[in-house]
Amino acid sequence: MLYSGIGRQKMMNDSVLMKAGMQVLIEQLGNVYAEKFISLVLREPFNYTEWRRDNLFVDMTVEEISKNAMDLYNKSILERGQTPHNKQ
């Protein structure tokens, strides 16, 4: 993995960010759909803030979002061999 976005984040320059983003898109979507996704983003006007508000966590409570975030964070901590914050 090029970069783990979980936990403390380190700054990435533009080329590292683009490479990491492409890697994630290709891993998740495959080459063809990663390219298609990029085409759509470039072609269509897109407001991520509005999209996130209207689509990303529509059926989830704040508590559910928070729990999922903490579970993902703790998983990343365990993978590094550290103790999760809420499991002392």
N, C-alpha and C. Protein backbone atom coordinates (compact mmCIF):
# COMPACT_ATOMS: atom_id res chain seq x y z
N MET A 1 0.85 -1.18 0.00
CA MET A 1 0.00 0.00 0.00
C MET A 1 0.89 1.24 0.00
N LEU A 2 0.57 2.18 -0.82
CA LEU A 2 1.34 3.41 -0.90
C LEU A 2 1.21 4.26 0.35
N TYR A 3 0.00 4.33 0.88
CA TYR A 3 -0.27 5.27 1.95
C TYR A 3 -1.47 4.82 2.73
N SER A 4 -1.40 4.87 4.02
CA SER A 4 -2.56 4.55 4.84
C SER A 4 -3.15 5.85 5.34
N GLY A 5 -4.39 6.13 4.95
CA GLY A 5 -5.04 7.36 5.34
C GLY A 5 -5.67 7.29 6.71
N ILE A 6 -5.49 6.21 7.44
CA ILE A 6 -6.10 6.05 8.74
C ILE A 6 -5.12 6.50 9.81
N GLY A 7 -5.63 7.15 10.82
CA GLY A 7 -4.78 7.60 11.92
C GLY A 7 -4.11 8.91 11.58
N ARG A 8 -2.92 9.10 12.09
CA ARG A 8 -2.20 10.33 11.81
C ARG A 8 -1.79 10.38 10.35
N GLN A 9 -2.13 11.47 9.71
CA GLN A 9 -1.83 11.59 8.29
C GLN A 9 -0.57 12.42 8.10
N LYS A 10 0.25 11.98 7.18
CA LYS A 10 1.41 12.78 6.80
C LYS A 10 1.07 13.50 5.51
N MET A 11 1.72 14.60 5.29
CA MET A 11 1.46 15.40 4.10
C MET A 11 1.99 14.66 2.87
N MET A 12 1.24 14.75 1.78
CA MET A 12 1.66 14.14 0.51
C MET A 12 1.77 15.24 -0.53
N ASN A 13 2.78 15.15 -1.36
CA ASN A 13 2.83 16.09 -2.47
C ASN A 13 1.84 15.64 -3.54
N ASP A 14 1.62 16.49 -4.54
CA ASP A 14 0.59 16.21 -5.54
C ASP A 14 0.82 14.90 -6.29
N SER A 15 2.07 14.63 -6.67
CA SER A 15 2.31 13.41 -7.45
C SER A 15 2.08 12.15 -6.62
N VAL A 16 2.43 12.17 -5.34
CA VAL A 16 2.18 11.02 -4.47
C VAL A 16 0.68 10.84 -4.26
N LEU A 17 -0.03 11.95 -4.06
CA LEU A 17 -1.48 11.88 -3.89
C LEU A 17 -2.16 11.33 -5.14
N MET A 18 -1.76 11.78 -6.32
CA MET A 18 -2.35 11.27 -7.56
C MET A 18 -2.07 9.79 -7.74
N LYS A 19 -0.84 9.37 -7.43
CA LYS A 19 -0.49 7.96 -7.57
C LYS A 19 -1.30 7.10 -6.60
N ALA A 20 -1.42 7.56 -5.36
CA ALA A 20 -2.18 6.81 -4.36
C ALA A 20 -3.66 6.75 -4.75
N GLY A 21 -4.20 7.87 -5.22
CA GLY A 21 -5.60 7.91 -5.64
C GLY A 21 -5.86 6.97 -6.80
N MET A 22 -4.98 6.97 -7.80
CA MET A 22 -5.15 6.06 -8.93
C MET A 22 -5.05 4.61 -8.49
N GLN A 23 -4.14 4.33 -7.59
CA GLN A 23 -4.00 2.96 -7.09
C GLN A 23 -5.29 2.49 -6.42
N VAL A 24 -5.88 3.34 -5.59
CA VAL A 24 -7.13 2.99 -4.91
C VAL A 24 -8.25 2.79 -5.94
N LEU A 25 -8.36 3.71 -6.90
CA LEU A 25 -9.41 3.58 -7.92
C LEU A 25 -9.25 2.27 -8.69
N ILE A 26 -8.04 1.97 -9.11
CA ILE A 26 -7.81 0.75 -9.89
C ILE A 26 -8.07 -0.50 -9.05
N GLU A 27 -7.63 -0.49 -7.78
CA GLU A 27 -7.87 -1.65 -6.91
C GLU A 27 -9.36 -1.88 -6.70
N GLN A 28 -10.12 -0.81 -6.54
CA GLN A 28 -11.54 -0.92 -6.22
C GLN A 28 -12.42 -1.09 -7.45
N LEU A 29 -12.05 -0.45 -8.57
CA LEU A 29 -12.91 -0.43 -9.75
C LEU A 29 -12.36 -1.19 -10.94
N GLY A 30 -11.06 -1.46 -10.95
CA GLY A 30 -10.42 -2.02 -12.13
C GLY A 30 -10.02 -0.89 -13.08
N ASN A 31 -9.17 -1.20 -14.04
CA ASN A 31 -8.64 -0.18 -14.94
C ASN A 31 -9.72 0.56 -15.72
N VAL A 32 -10.63 -0.17 -16.31
CA VAL A 32 -11.64 0.44 -17.19
C VAL A 32 -12.53 1.41 -16.41
N TYR A 33 -13.07 0.95 -15.28
CA TYR A 33 -13.98 1.82 -14.54
C TYR A 33 -13.25 2.93 -13.80
N ALA A 34 -11.99 2.73 -13.45
CA ALA A 34 -11.21 3.83 -12.88
C ALA A 34 -11.07 4.95 -13.91
N GLU A 35 -10.75 4.60 -15.16
CA GLU A 35 -10.65 5.60 -16.23
C GLU A 35 -12.00 6.26 -16.48
N LYS A 36 -13.07 5.47 -16.46
CA LYS A 36 -14.40 6.02 -16.68
C LYS A 36 -14.76 7.00 -15.57
N PHE A 37 -14.44 6.65 -14.33
CA PHE A 37 -14.70 7.54 -13.20
C PHE A 37 -13.98 8.88 -13.39
N ILE A 38 -12.72 8.83 -13.77
CA ILE A 38 -11.96 10.06 -13.98
C ILE A 38 -12.59 10.89 -15.09
N SER A 39 -13.02 10.24 -16.17
CA SER A 39 -13.70 10.95 -17.26
C SER A 39 -14.96 11.65 -16.77
N LEU A 40 -15.74 10.96 -15.95
CA LEU A 40 -16.96 11.55 -15.42
C LEU A 40 -16.67 12.76 -14.55
N VAL A 41 -15.68 12.65 -13.70
CA VAL A 41 -15.33 13.76 -12.81
C VAL A 41 -14.87 14.97 -13.63
N LEU A 42 -14.09 14.73 -14.66
CA LEU A 42 -13.61 15.84 -15.48
C LEU A 42 -14.72 16.45 -16.34
N ARG A 43 -15.65 15.64 -16.77
CA ARG A 43 -16.70 16.09 -17.69
C ARG A 43 -17.84 16.79 -16.98
N GLU A 44 -18.26 16.27 -15.84
CA GLU A 44 -19.44 16.77 -15.15
C GLU A 44 -19.05 17.77 -14.05
N PRO A 45 -19.82 18.85 -13.93
CA PRO A 45 -19.60 19.71 -12.76
C PRO A 45 -19.95 18.91 -11.50
N PHE A 46 -19.14 18.99 -10.49
CA PHE A 46 -19.30 18.12 -9.34
C PHE A 46 -18.99 18.89 -8.07
N ASN A 47 -19.93 18.92 -7.16
CA ASN A 47 -19.73 19.55 -5.86
C ASN A 47 -19.69 18.43 -4.82
N TYR A 48 -18.50 18.08 -4.40
CA TYR A 48 -18.33 16.97 -3.47
C TYR A 48 -19.06 17.21 -2.16
N THR A 49 -19.05 18.44 -1.67
CA THR A 49 -19.72 18.73 -0.40
C THR A 49 -21.21 18.44 -0.48
N GLU A 50 -21.86 18.87 -1.55
CA GLU A 50 -23.28 18.58 -1.72
C GLU A 50 -23.52 17.09 -1.91
N TRP A 51 -22.69 16.45 -2.71
CA TRP A 51 -22.85 15.02 -2.96
C TRP A 51 -22.72 14.24 -1.66
N ARG A 52 -21.71 14.58 -0.86
CA ARG A 52 -21.48 13.88 0.41
C ARG A 52 -22.69 14.06 1.33
N ARG A 53 -23.21 15.29 1.40
CA ARG A 53 -24.36 15.56 2.26
C ARG A 53 -25.59 14.76 1.81
N ASP A 54 -25.79 14.67 0.50
CA ASP A 54 -27.00 14.05 -0.04
C ASP A 54 -26.90 12.54 -0.25
N ASN A 55 -25.69 11.98 -0.28
CA ASN A 55 -25.54 10.58 -0.67
C ASN A 55 -24.71 9.69 0.26
N LEU A 56 -23.74 10.23 0.91
CA LEU A 56 -22.75 9.38 1.55
C LEU A 56 -23.25 8.68 2.80
N PHE A 57 -23.85 9.41 3.72
CA PHE A 57 -24.27 8.81 4.99
C PHE A 57 -25.75 9.05 5.23
N VAL A 58 -26.55 8.92 4.19
CA VAL A 58 -27.96 9.29 4.24
C VAL A 58 -28.73 8.52 5.31
N ASP A 59 -28.54 7.23 5.39
CA ASP A 59 -29.34 6.40 6.31
C ASP A 59 -28.62 6.08 7.61
N MET A 60 -27.60 6.88 7.95
CA MET A 60 -26.84 6.61 9.16
C MET A 60 -26.97 7.76 10.15
N THR A 61 -27.04 7.41 11.44
CA THR A 61 -27.03 8.43 12.48
C THR A 61 -25.60 8.88 12.70
N VAL A 62 -25.45 9.99 13.39
CA VAL A 62 -24.11 10.48 13.73
C VAL A 62 -23.39 9.44 14.58
N GLU A 63 -24.12 8.79 15.47
CA GLU A 63 -23.52 7.77 16.33
C GLU A 63 -23.00 6.60 15.51
N GLU A 64 -23.76 6.18 14.49
CA GLU A 64 -23.32 5.07 13.63
C GLU A 64 -22.07 5.46 12.83
N ILE A 65 -22.07 6.66 12.31
CA ILE A 65 -20.90 7.14 11.56
C ILE A 65 -19.69 7.17 12.47
N SER A 66 -19.87 7.70 13.67
CA SER A 66 -18.76 7.78 14.63
C SER A 66 -18.25 6.40 15.01
N LYS A 67 -19.17 5.46 15.27
CA LYS A 67 -18.76 4.09 15.64
C LYS A 67 -17.99 3.43 14.50
N ASN A 68 -18.48 3.58 13.27
CA ASN A 68 -17.79 2.99 12.12
C ASN A 68 -16.40 3.59 11.96
N ALA A 69 -16.30 4.91 12.14
CA ALA A 69 -14.99 5.56 12.02
C ALA A 69 -14.04 5.05 13.10
N MET A 70 -14.53 4.93 14.33
CA MET A 70 -13.67 4.46 15.42
C MET A 70 -13.28 3.00 15.22
N ASP A 71 -14.20 2.17 14.74
CA ASP A 71 -13.87 0.77 14.46
C ASP A 71 -12.78 0.67 13.40
N LEU A 72 -12.89 1.46 12.35
CA LEU A 72 -11.88 1.45 11.28
C LEU A 72 -10.54 1.94 11.80
N TYR A 73 -10.58 2.99 12.61
CA TYR A 73 -9.35 3.51 13.20
C TYR A 73 -8.70 2.46 14.10
N ASN A 74 -9.50 1.82 14.96
CA ASN A 74 -8.95 0.80 15.86
C ASN A 74 -8.39 -0.39 15.09
N LYS A 75 -9.04 -0.75 13.99
CA LYS A 75 -8.52 -1.84 13.16
C LYS A 75 -7.14 -1.49 12.63
N SER A 76 -6.96 -0.23 12.20
CA SER A 76 -5.66 0.18 11.68
C SER A 76 -4.61 0.17 12.78
N ILE A 77 -5.02 0.53 14.00
CA ILE A 77 -4.10 0.52 15.15
C ILE A 77 -3.66 -0.92 15.43
N LEU A 78 -4.63 -1.85 15.44
CA LEU A 78 -4.31 -3.25 15.70
C LEU A 78 -3.37 -3.81 14.64
N GLU A 79 -3.59 -3.42 13.38
CA GLU A 79 -2.73 -3.90 12.30
C GLU A 79 -1.28 -3.44 12.47
N ARG A 80 -1.11 -2.33 13.19
CA ARG A 80 0.26 -1.83 13.46
C ARG A 80 0.80 -2.37 14.78
N GLY A 81 0.01 -3.24 15.44
CA GLY A 81 0.47 -3.85 16.68
C GLY A 81 0.35 -2.96 17.90
N GLN A 82 -0.48 -1.93 17.82
CA GLN A 82 -0.68 -1.02 18.94
C GLN A 82 -2.00 -1.31 19.63
N THR A 83 -2.24 -0.67 20.77
CA THR A 83 -3.47 -0.86 21.52
C THR A 83 -4.49 0.19 21.11
N PRO A 84 -5.70 -0.23 20.72
CA PRO A 84 -6.74 0.73 20.37
C PRO A 84 -7.09 1.63 21.55
N HIS A 85 -7.55 2.83 21.26
CA HIS A 85 -7.85 3.81 22.30
C HIS A 85 -8.94 3.37 23.25
N ASN A 86 -9.97 2.70 22.76
CA ASN A 86 -11.08 2.33 23.66
C ASN A 86 -10.97 0.90 24.16
N LYS A 87 -9.82 0.26 24.03
CA LYS A 87 -9.64 -1.14 24.46
C LYS A 87 -8.37 -1.26 25.31
N GLN A 88 -8.27 -0.49 26.37
CA GLN A 88 -7.04 -0.47 27.15
C GLN A 88 -6.91 -1.61 28.10
